[in-house]
Amino acid sequence: MSEDFSGFSKKSHLNDEDYYLSEEGYIVFTEQYHLKRGYCCKSGCKHCPYGYDPKTGHINSYTKD
């Protein structure tokens, strides 16, 4: 892939399973990536496994398997 990830930390090594590009060209992180990161960023991510609700600003439920 030849996308420009210059805005991301040099420490962050993204695998192909960690994200995909939307039709608009945005990077969309997968649930796998969020779990690997280990915490909720509270940005209302599409695949948030932590149950964050951007309408209330709370994490509703979190069960780590």
C-alpha atoms as a PDB file:
ATOM      1  CA  MET A   1       0.000   0.000   0.000  1.00  0.00           C
ATOM      2  CA  SER A   2       1.237   3.470  -0.759  1.00  0.00           C
ATOM      3  CA  GLU A   3      -0.880   5.589   1.617  1.00  0.00           C
ATOM      4  CA  ASP A   4       0.802   8.441   3.464  1.00  0.00           C
ATOM      5  CA  PHE A   5       0.688   7.770   7.204  1.00  0.00           C
ATOM      6  CA  SER A   6       3.042  10.621   8.108  1.00  0.00           C
ATOM      7  CA  GLY A   7       0.568  11.910  10.697  1.00  0.00           C
ATOM      8  CA  PHE A   8       0.894   8.729  12.746  1.00  0.00           C
ATOM      9  CA  SER A   9       3.504   7.949  15.349  1.00  0.00           C
ATOM     10  CA  LYS A  10       6.610   6.176  14.114  1.00  0.00           C
ATOM     11  CA  LYS A  11       6.032   3.656  16.944  1.00  0.00           C
ATOM     12  CA  SER A  12       2.693   2.617  15.477  1.00  0.00           C
ATOM     13  CA  HIS A  13       3.121  -0.245  13.061  1.00  0.00           C
ATOM     14  CA  LEU A  14      -0.134  -0.837  11.246  1.00  0.00           C
ATOM     15  CA  ASN A  15      -0.923  -4.245   9.812  1.00  0.00           C
ATOM     16  CA  ASP A  16      -3.368  -4.708   6.953  1.00  0.00           C
ATOM     17  CA  GLU A  17      -5.838  -6.226   9.461  1.00  0.00           C
ATOM     18  CA  ASP A  18      -5.721  -3.077  11.643  1.00  0.00           C
ATOM     19  CA  TYR A  19      -7.517  -0.755   9.234  1.00  0.00           C
ATOM     20  CA  TYR A  20      -9.200  -0.302   5.896  1.00  0.00           C
ATOM     21  CA  LEU A  21      -9.817   2.719   3.697  1.00  0.00           C
ATOM     22  CA  SER A  22     -13.370   4.005   3.371  1.00  0.00           C
ATOM     23  CA  GLU A  23     -14.840   4.985   0.018  1.00  0.00           C
ATOM     24  CA  GLU A  24     -14.052   8.589   0.943  1.00  0.00           C
ATOM     25  CA  GLY A  25     -10.389   7.702   1.565  1.00  0.00           C
ATOM     26  CA  TYR A  26     -10.459   7.825   5.380  1.00  0.00           C
ATOM     27  CA  ILE A  27      -8.569   5.328   7.527  1.00  0.00           C
ATOM     28  CA  VAL A  28     -11.055   3.218   9.520  1.00  0.00           C
ATOM     29  CA  PHE A  29      -9.535   1.233  12.368  1.00  0.00           C
ATOM     30  CA  THR A  30     -10.868  -2.270  12.994  1.00  0.00           C
ATOM     31  CA  GLU A  31     -11.965  -3.748  16.320  1.00  0.00           C
ATOM     32  CA  GLN A  32      -8.731  -5.762  16.290  1.00  0.00           C
ATOM     33  CA  TYR A  33      -6.683  -2.549  16.200  1.00  0.00           C
ATOM     34  CA  HIS A  34      -8.624  -0.986  19.080  1.00  0.00           C
ATOM     35  CA  LEU A  35      -8.174  -4.098  21.223  1.00  0.00           C
ATOM     36  CA  LYS A  36      -4.456  -4.182  20.386  1.00  0.00           C
ATOM     37  CA  ARG A  37      -4.163  -0.518  21.413  1.00  0.00           C
ATOM     38  CA  GLY A  38      -5.753  -1.430  24.741  1.00  0.00           C
ATOM     39  CA  TYR A  39      -7.917   1.574  25.604  1.00  0.00           C
ATOM     40  CA  CYS A  40     -10.837   3.660  24.349  1.00  0.00           C
ATOM     41  CA  CYS A  41      -9.916   7.024  22.821  1.00  0.00           C
ATOM     42  CA  LYS A  42     -13.518   8.287  23.245  1.00  0.00           C
ATOM     43  CA  SER A  43     -13.701   9.502  19.653  1.00  0.00           C
ATOM     44  CA  GLY A  44     -16.803   7.500  18.722  1.00  0.00           C
ATOM     45  CA  CYS A  45     -14.941   5.084  16.463  1.00  0.00           C
ATOM     46  CA  LYS A  46     -17.051   2.954  14.152  1.00  0.00           C
ATOM     47  CA  HIS A  47     -15.631  -0.353  15.430  1.00  0.00           C
ATOM     48  CA  CYS A  48     -15.137   0.548  19.103  1.00  0.00           C
ATOM     49  CA  PRO A  49     -15.123  -2.674  21.165  1.00  0.00           C
ATOM     50  CA  TYR A  50     -15.316  -0.737  24.447  1.00  0.00           C
ATOM     51  CA  GLY A  51     -18.948   0.367  24.158  1.00  0.00           C
ATOM     52  CA  TYR A  52     -18.296   4.108  24.070  1.00  0.00           C
ATOM     53  CA  ASP A  53     -21.433   6.153  23.401  1.00  0.00           C
ATOM     54  CA  PRO A  54     -20.539   9.575  21.948  1.00  0.00           C
ATOM     55  CA  LYS A  55     -24.056  10.865  22.720  1.00  0.00           C
ATOM     56  CA  THR A  56     -23.638  10.349  26.467  1.00  0.00           C
ATOM     57  CA  GLY A  57     -19.843  10.443  26.681  1.00  0.00           C
ATOM     58  CA  HIS A  58     -19.776   7.215  28.684  1.00  0.00           C
ATOM     59  CA  ILE A  59     -18.447   3.731  28.140  1.00  0.00           C
ATOM     60  CA  ASN A  60     -21.599   1.617  28.443  1.00  0.00           C
ATOM     61  CA  SER A  61     -20.169  -1.869  28.626  1.00  0.00           C
ATOM     62  CA  TYR A  62     -16.797  -3.461  28.308  1.00  0.00           C
ATOM     63  CA  THR A  63     -16.114  -7.155  28.304  1.00  0.00           C
ATOM     64  CA  LYS A  64     -12.640  -8.261  27.291  1.00  0.00           C
ATOM     65  CA  ASP A  65     -12.481 -11.889  26.195  1.00  0.00           C
END
